[in-house]
């Protein structure tokens, strides 16, 4: 079992920056692929950024060049640095941990943190 707690959300003007954190407990995240997802009102949840246990990353096209995902396994924490924020980035951001072992996928979610981009 992995418990995930997101923090760092808030209200920021367009063009601003935020750094989200996802603190894990219950298990080391070093063996998990980690992701940040978001869900805007009336829309489906979408993958924003993903980092494998080996450190490889990928991003949604809408955030490439603006967002950076990173992990600190020693602190059991994953981060999402968000720069040049736009109003369309407004959403609840969720942290996700995923691991597949012997054909079984284990997936855990945090409760989410609200990000609002508005002047």
N, C-alpha and C. Protein backbone atom coordinates (compact mmCIF):
# COMPACT_ATOMS: atom_id res chain seq x y z
N UNK A 1 0.84 -1.19 0.00
CA UNK A 1 0.00 0.00 0.00
C UNK A 1 0.87 1.24 0.00
N UNK A 2 0.44 2.22 -0.79
CA UNK A 2 1.13 3.50 -0.85
C UNK A 2 0.11 4.58 -0.58
N UNK A 3 0.41 5.46 0.35
CA UNK A 3 -0.42 6.64 0.59
C UNK A 3 0.27 7.85 -0.03
N UNK A 4 -0.51 8.63 -0.77
CA UNK A 4 0.04 9.79 -1.48
C UNK A 4 -0.67 11.05 -1.03
N UNK A 5 0.09 12.10 -0.74
CA UNK A 5 -0.48 13.38 -0.31
C UNK A 5 0.13 14.49 -1.16
N UNK A 6 -0.73 15.16 -1.92
CA UNK A 6 -0.29 16.27 -2.75
C UNK A 6 -0.35 17.57 -1.96
N UNK A 7 0.53 18.49 -2.35
CA UNK A 7 0.52 19.83 -1.77
C UNK A 7 1.13 20.80 -2.77
N UNK A 8 0.95 22.09 -2.50
CA UNK A 8 1.57 23.11 -3.35
C UNK A 8 0.63 23.80 -4.30
N UNK A 9 -0.63 23.38 -4.35
CA UNK A 9 -1.57 24.04 -5.23
C UNK A 9 -1.95 25.41 -4.70
N UNK A 10 -2.69 26.14 -5.53
CA UNK A 10 -3.13 27.47 -5.11
C UNK A 10 -3.58 28.30 -6.29
N UNK A 11 -3.73 29.60 -6.02
CA UNK A 11 -4.14 30.57 -7.04
C UNK A 11 -2.90 31.30 -7.55
N UNK A 12 -2.74 31.35 -8.85
CA UNK A 12 -1.57 31.99 -9.45
C UNK A 12 -2.01 32.72 -10.71
N UNK A 13 -1.44 33.90 -11.01
CA UNK A 13 -1.82 34.62 -12.22
C UNK A 13 -1.23 33.95 -13.46
N UNK A 14 -1.82 34.21 -14.62
CA UNK A 14 -1.24 33.67 -15.86
C UNK A 14 0.22 34.07 -16.00
N UNK A 15 1.03 33.12 -16.44
CA UNK A 15 2.46 33.35 -16.55
C UNK A 15 3.24 32.99 -15.30
N UNK A 16 2.53 32.71 -14.23
CA UNK A 16 3.20 32.39 -12.97
C UNK A 16 3.65 30.95 -12.89
N UNK A 17 4.21 30.61 -11.72
CA UNK A 17 4.75 29.27 -11.50
C UNK A 17 4.24 28.69 -10.19
N UNK A 18 4.18 27.39 -10.15
CA UNK A 18 3.87 26.64 -8.94
C UNK A 18 4.69 25.37 -8.95
N UNK A 19 4.99 24.88 -7.75
CA UNK A 19 5.66 23.59 -7.62
C UNK A 19 4.79 22.68 -6.77
N UNK A 20 4.29 21.62 -7.36
CA UNK A 20 3.50 20.65 -6.63
C UNK A 20 4.41 19.56 -6.06
N UNK A 21 4.04 19.08 -4.89
CA UNK A 21 4.77 17.97 -4.27
C UNK A 21 3.80 16.82 -4.00
N UNK A 22 4.31 15.63 -4.07
CA UNK A 22 3.53 14.43 -3.76
C UNK A 22 4.38 13.59 -2.81
N UNK A 23 3.99 13.60 -1.55
CA UNK A 23 4.74 12.86 -0.53
C UNK A 23 4.11 11.48 -0.35
N UNK A 24 4.93 10.46 -0.42
CA UNK A 24 4.45 9.09 -0.31
C UNK A 24 4.84 8.49 1.03
N UNK A 25 4.00 7.58 1.50
CA UNK A 25 4.31 6.81 2.71
C UNK A 25 3.76 5.41 2.54
N UNK A 26 4.24 4.51 3.38
CA UNK A 26 3.77 3.14 3.34
C UNK A 26 4.65 2.23 2.51
N UNK A 27 5.36 2.81 1.55
CA UNK A 27 6.25 2.02 0.70
C UNK A 27 7.19 2.97 -0.01
N UNK A 28 8.33 2.47 -0.39
CA UNK A 28 9.25 3.29 -1.17
C UNK A 28 8.73 3.47 -2.58
N UNK A 29 8.80 4.71 -3.08
CA UNK A 29 8.33 4.95 -4.45
C UNK A 29 9.37 4.57 -5.49
N UNK A 30 10.55 4.15 -5.04
CA UNK A 30 11.63 3.89 -5.99
C UNK A 30 11.26 2.79 -6.99
N UNK A 31 10.34 1.91 -6.62
CA UNK A 31 9.96 0.81 -7.51
C UNK A 31 8.70 1.13 -8.32
N UNK A 32 8.18 2.34 -8.15
CA UNK A 32 6.95 2.73 -8.82
C UNK A 32 7.20 3.74 -9.93
N UNK A 33 6.43 3.61 -11.00
CA UNK A 33 6.29 4.70 -11.95
C UNK A 33 5.34 5.71 -11.33
N UNK A 34 5.65 6.98 -11.48
CA UNK A 34 4.85 8.02 -10.85
C UNK A 34 4.31 8.98 -11.91
N UNK A 35 3.13 9.48 -11.65
CA UNK A 35 2.54 10.40 -12.61
C UNK A 35 1.75 11.51 -11.95
N UNK A 36 1.60 12.57 -12.70
CA UNK A 36 0.70 13.66 -12.33
C UNK A 36 -0.41 13.70 -13.38
N UNK A 37 -1.63 13.72 -12.90
CA UNK A 37 -2.81 13.82 -13.74
C UNK A 37 -3.59 15.04 -13.31
N UNK A 38 -4.49 15.50 -14.15
CA UNK A 38 -5.34 16.61 -13.76
C UNK A 38 -6.75 16.41 -14.32
N UNK A 39 -7.68 17.05 -13.62
CA UNK A 39 -9.07 17.00 -14.04
C UNK A 39 -9.68 18.37 -13.87
N UNK A 40 -10.10 18.94 -14.99
CA UNK A 40 -10.78 20.23 -14.98
C UNK A 40 -12.28 19.98 -14.90
N UNK A 41 -13.05 20.96 -14.43
CA UNK A 41 -14.50 20.79 -14.33
C UNK A 41 -15.11 20.39 -15.66
N UNK A 42 -15.92 19.33 -15.64
CA UNK A 42 -16.61 18.90 -16.84
C UNK A 42 -15.75 18.13 -17.83
N UNK A 43 -14.51 17.86 -17.46
CA UNK A 43 -13.60 17.15 -18.36
C UNK A 43 -13.10 15.86 -17.73
N UNK A 44 -12.59 14.97 -18.56
CA UNK A 44 -12.02 13.72 -18.06
C UNK A 44 -10.63 13.98 -17.47
N UNK A 45 -10.26 13.10 -16.56
CA UNK A 45 -8.92 13.18 -16.00
C UNK A 45 -7.91 12.84 -17.11
N UNK A 46 -6.82 13.61 -17.15
CA UNK A 46 -5.82 13.39 -18.18
C UNK A 46 -4.43 13.32 -17.57
N UNK A 47 -3.57 12.55 -18.23
CA UNK A 47 -2.18 12.46 -17.80
C UNK A 47 -1.44 13.73 -18.19
N UNK A 48 -0.72 14.31 -17.24
CA UNK A 48 0.05 15.52 -17.48
C UNK A 48 1.53 15.18 -17.67
N UNK A 49 2.06 14.38 -16.75
CA UNK A 49 3.48 14.04 -16.80
C UNK A 49 3.70 12.71 -16.10
N UNK A 50 4.72 11.99 -16.55
CA UNK A 50 4.97 10.64 -16.05
C UNK A 50 6.47 10.44 -15.93
N UNK A 51 6.89 9.74 -14.88
CA UNK A 51 8.30 9.42 -14.71
C UNK A 51 8.42 7.97 -14.29
N UNK A 52 9.25 7.21 -14.99
CA UNK A 52 9.42 5.80 -14.67
C UNK A 52 10.31 5.64 -13.44
N UNK A 53 10.40 4.42 -12.96
CA UNK A 53 11.28 4.15 -11.83
C UNK A 53 12.73 4.42 -12.19
N UNK A 54 13.04 4.33 -13.49
CA UNK A 54 14.40 4.59 -13.95
C UNK A 54 14.67 6.05 -14.26
N UNK A 55 13.63 6.89 -14.19
CA UNK A 55 13.83 8.32 -14.39
C UNK A 55 13.45 8.86 -15.77
N UNK A 56 12.97 8.00 -16.66
CA UNK A 56 12.52 8.48 -17.96
C UNK A 56 11.21 9.23 -17.81
N UNK A 57 11.07 10.31 -18.57
CA UNK A 57 9.89 11.16 -18.44
C UNK A 57 9.15 11.30 -19.76
N UNK A 58 7.86 11.58 -19.65
CA UNK A 58 7.09 11.99 -20.81
C UNK A 58 6.00 12.93 -20.35
N UNK A 59 5.53 13.77 -21.28
CA UNK A 59 4.60 14.85 -20.97
C UNK A 59 3.48 14.92 -21.99
N UNK A 60 2.35 15.42 -21.54
CA UNK A 60 1.28 15.77 -22.47
C UNK A 60 1.78 16.91 -23.35
N UNK A 61 1.34 16.91 -24.61
CA UNK A 61 1.77 17.95 -25.54
C UNK A 61 1.47 19.35 -25.01
N UNK A 62 0.36 19.47 -24.30
CA UNK A 62 -0.09 20.79 -23.83
C UNK A 62 0.83 21.40 -22.77
N UNK A 63 1.69 20.59 -22.15
CA UNK A 63 2.55 21.11 -21.09
C UNK A 63 4.03 20.98 -21.41
N UNK A 64 4.37 20.38 -22.54
CA UNK A 64 5.79 20.21 -22.89
C UNK A 64 6.49 21.56 -22.94
N UNK A 65 7.66 21.61 -22.33
CA UNK A 65 8.43 22.83 -22.30
C UNK A 65 8.06 23.77 -21.17
N UNK A 66 6.94 23.48 -20.49
CA UNK A 66 6.51 24.35 -19.37
C UNK A 66 6.55 23.62 -18.04
N UNK A 67 6.25 22.32 -18.05
CA UNK A 67 6.19 21.53 -16.82
C UNK A 67 7.37 20.56 -16.76
N UNK A 68 7.83 20.30 -15.55
CA UNK A 68 8.90 19.32 -15.35
C UNK A 68 8.56 18.43 -14.18
N UNK A 69 8.57 17.13 -14.42
CA UNK A 69 8.35 16.17 -13.35
C UNK A 69 9.71 15.65 -12.88
N UNK A 70 9.83 15.45 -11.57
CA UNK A 70 11.06 14.91 -11.02
C UNK A 70 10.73 14.08 -9.79
N UNK A 71 11.69 13.27 -9.39
CA UNK A 71 11.47 12.42 -8.22
C UNK A 71 12.71 12.44 -7.34
N UNK A 72 12.47 12.38 -6.03
CA UNK A 72 13.55 12.27 -5.05
C UNK A 72 13.22 11.03 -4.23
N UNK A 73 13.80 9.92 -4.61
CA UNK A 73 13.47 8.67 -3.93
C UNK A 73 13.91 8.68 -2.46
N UNK A 74 14.96 9.41 -2.16
CA UNK A 74 15.42 9.47 -0.77
C UNK A 74 14.40 10.17 0.12
N UNK A 75 13.67 11.13 -0.46
CA UNK A 75 12.62 11.84 0.28
C UNK A 75 11.26 11.22 0.03
N UNK A 76 11.22 10.19 -0.81
CA UNK A 76 9.94 9.54 -1.16
C UNK A 76 8.91 10.55 -1.67
N UNK A 77 9.37 11.43 -2.53
CA UNK A 77 8.54 12.54 -3.00
C UNK A 77 8.73 12.73 -4.50
N UNK A 78 7.63 13.09 -5.16
CA UNK A 78 7.63 13.45 -6.56
C UNK A 78 7.18 14.90 -6.69
N UNK A 79 7.75 15.60 -7.65
CA UNK A 79 7.45 17.01 -7.84
C UNK A 79 6.94 17.28 -9.24
N UNK A 80 6.19 18.36 -9.36
CA UNK A 80 5.81 18.87 -10.67
C UNK A 80 6.05 20.37 -10.65
N UNK A 81 7.07 20.79 -11.36
CA UNK A 81 7.35 22.22 -11.51
C UNK A 81 6.56 22.73 -12.70
N UNK A 82 5.73 23.71 -12.45
CA UNK A 82 4.85 24.26 -13.50
C UNK A 82 5.20 25.71 -13.72
N UNK A 83 5.65 26.04 -14.91
CA UNK A 83 6.00 27.40 -15.29
C UNK A 83 5.10 27.89 -16.41
N UNK A 84 5.09 29.20 -16.60
CA UNK A 84 4.29 29.81 -17.68
C UNK A 84 2.86 29.28 -17.66
N UNK A 85 2.27 29.32 -16.49
CA UNK A 85 0.93 28.75 -16.34
C UNK A 85 -0.11 29.53 -17.13
N UNK A 86 -1.09 28.79 -17.62
CA UNK A 86 -2.17 29.36 -18.43
C UNK A 86 -3.50 29.08 -17.74
N UNK A 87 -4.52 29.88 -18.03
CA UNK A 87 -5.84 29.60 -17.43
C UNK A 87 -6.33 28.18 -17.71
N UNK A 88 -5.98 27.62 -18.85
CA UNK A 88 -6.42 26.26 -19.17
C UNK A 88 -5.69 25.19 -18.37
N UNK A 89 -4.71 25.57 -17.58
CA UNK A 89 -4.07 24.63 -16.66
C UNK A 89 -4.86 24.48 -15.36
N UNK A 90 -5.89 25.28 -15.21
CA UNK A 90 -6.71 25.20 -14.01
C UNK A 90 -7.37 23.83 -13.90
N UNK A 91 -7.16 23.17 -12.78
CA UNK A 91 -7.68 21.81 -12.58
C UNK A 91 -7.30 21.33 -11.19
N UNK A 92 -7.87 20.20 -10.81
CA UNK A 92 -7.37 19.48 -9.64
C UNK A 92 -6.27 18.54 -10.14
N UNK A 93 -5.12 18.61 -9.49
CA UNK A 93 -3.97 17.80 -9.89
C UNK A 93 -3.81 16.63 -8.92
N UNK A 94 -3.68 15.45 -9.50
CA UNK A 94 -3.59 14.22 -8.73
C UNK A 94 -2.25 13.54 -8.97
N UNK A 95 -1.71 12.99 -7.91
CA UNK A 95 -0.50 12.18 -7.99
C UNK A 95 -0.90 10.71 -8.08
N UNK A 96 -0.12 9.94 -8.81
CA UNK A 96 -0.43 8.54 -9.07
C UNK A 96 0.85 7.71 -8.98
N UNK A 97 0.74 6.54 -8.36
CA UNK A 97 1.85 5.59 -8.31
C UNK A 97 1.38 4.28 -8.92
N UNK A 98 2.22 3.70 -9.77
CA UNK A 98 1.80 2.49 -10.46
C UNK A 98 2.97 1.51 -10.56
N UNK A 99 2.63 0.24 -10.37
CA UNK A 99 3.64 -0.81 -10.47
C UNK A 99 2.97 -2.09 -10.95
N UNK A 100 3.59 -2.76 -11.87
CA UNK A 100 3.08 -4.04 -12.35
C UNK A 100 4.04 -5.13 -11.93
N UNK A 101 3.49 -6.14 -11.28
CA UNK A 101 4.32 -7.25 -10.79
C UNK A 101 3.57 -8.55 -11.03
N UNK A 102 4.23 -9.46 -11.68
CA UNK A 102 3.64 -10.77 -12.01
C UNK A 102 2.29 -10.60 -12.68
N UNK A 103 2.19 -9.62 -13.58
CA UNK A 103 0.98 -9.43 -14.35
C UNK A 103 -0.13 -8.68 -13.61
N UNK A 104 0.11 -8.31 -12.39
CA UNK A 104 -0.90 -7.57 -11.61
C UNK A 104 -0.43 -6.13 -11.47
N UNK A 105 -1.33 -5.20 -11.79
CA UNK A 105 -1.00 -3.77 -11.69
C UNK A 105 -1.55 -3.22 -10.38
N UNK A 106 -0.67 -2.58 -9.66
CA UNK A 106 -1.03 -1.91 -8.41
C UNK A 106 -0.99 -0.40 -8.67
N UNK A 107 -2.08 0.29 -8.33
CA UNK A 107 -2.17 1.72 -8.62
C UNK A 107 -2.77 2.45 -7.43
N UNK A 108 -2.17 3.57 -7.11
CA UNK A 108 -2.60 4.37 -5.96
C UNK A 108 -2.73 5.82 -6.38
N UNK A 109 -3.68 6.51 -5.74
CA UNK A 109 -3.96 7.91 -6.06
C UNK A 109 -3.97 8.75 -4.79
N UNK A 110 -3.56 10.00 -4.94
CA UNK A 110 -3.73 10.96 -3.87
C UNK A 110 -5.10 11.60 -3.96
N UNK A 111 -5.36 12.53 -3.03
CA UNK A 111 -6.67 13.19 -2.96
C UNK A 111 -6.76 14.40 -3.89
N UNK A 112 -5.63 14.87 -4.35
CA UNK A 112 -5.63 15.99 -5.29
C UNK A 112 -5.35 17.33 -4.63
N UNK A 113 -4.85 18.26 -5.43
CA UNK A 113 -4.63 19.63 -4.99
C UNK A 113 -5.11 20.56 -6.10
N UNK A 114 -5.83 21.62 -5.70
CA UNK A 114 -6.43 22.53 -6.68
C UNK A 114 -5.39 23.53 -7.17
N UNK A 115 -5.33 23.67 -8.49
CA UNK A 115 -4.52 24.72 -9.12
C UNK A 115 -5.46 25.61 -9.91
N UNK A 116 -5.43 26.90 -9.61
CA UNK A 116 -6.27 27.87 -10.31
C UNK A 116 -5.38 28.94 -10.90
N UNK A 117 -5.48 29.12 -12.21
CA UNK A 117 -4.69 30.14 -12.91
C UNK A 117 -5.65 31.22 -13.36
N UNK A 118 -5.55 32.36 -12.74
CA UNK A 118 -6.49 33.44 -13.02
C UNK A 118 -5.90 34.77 -12.56
N UNK A 119 -6.28 35.82 -13.28
CA UNK A 119 -5.85 37.16 -12.87
C UNK A 119 -6.91 37.79 -11.97
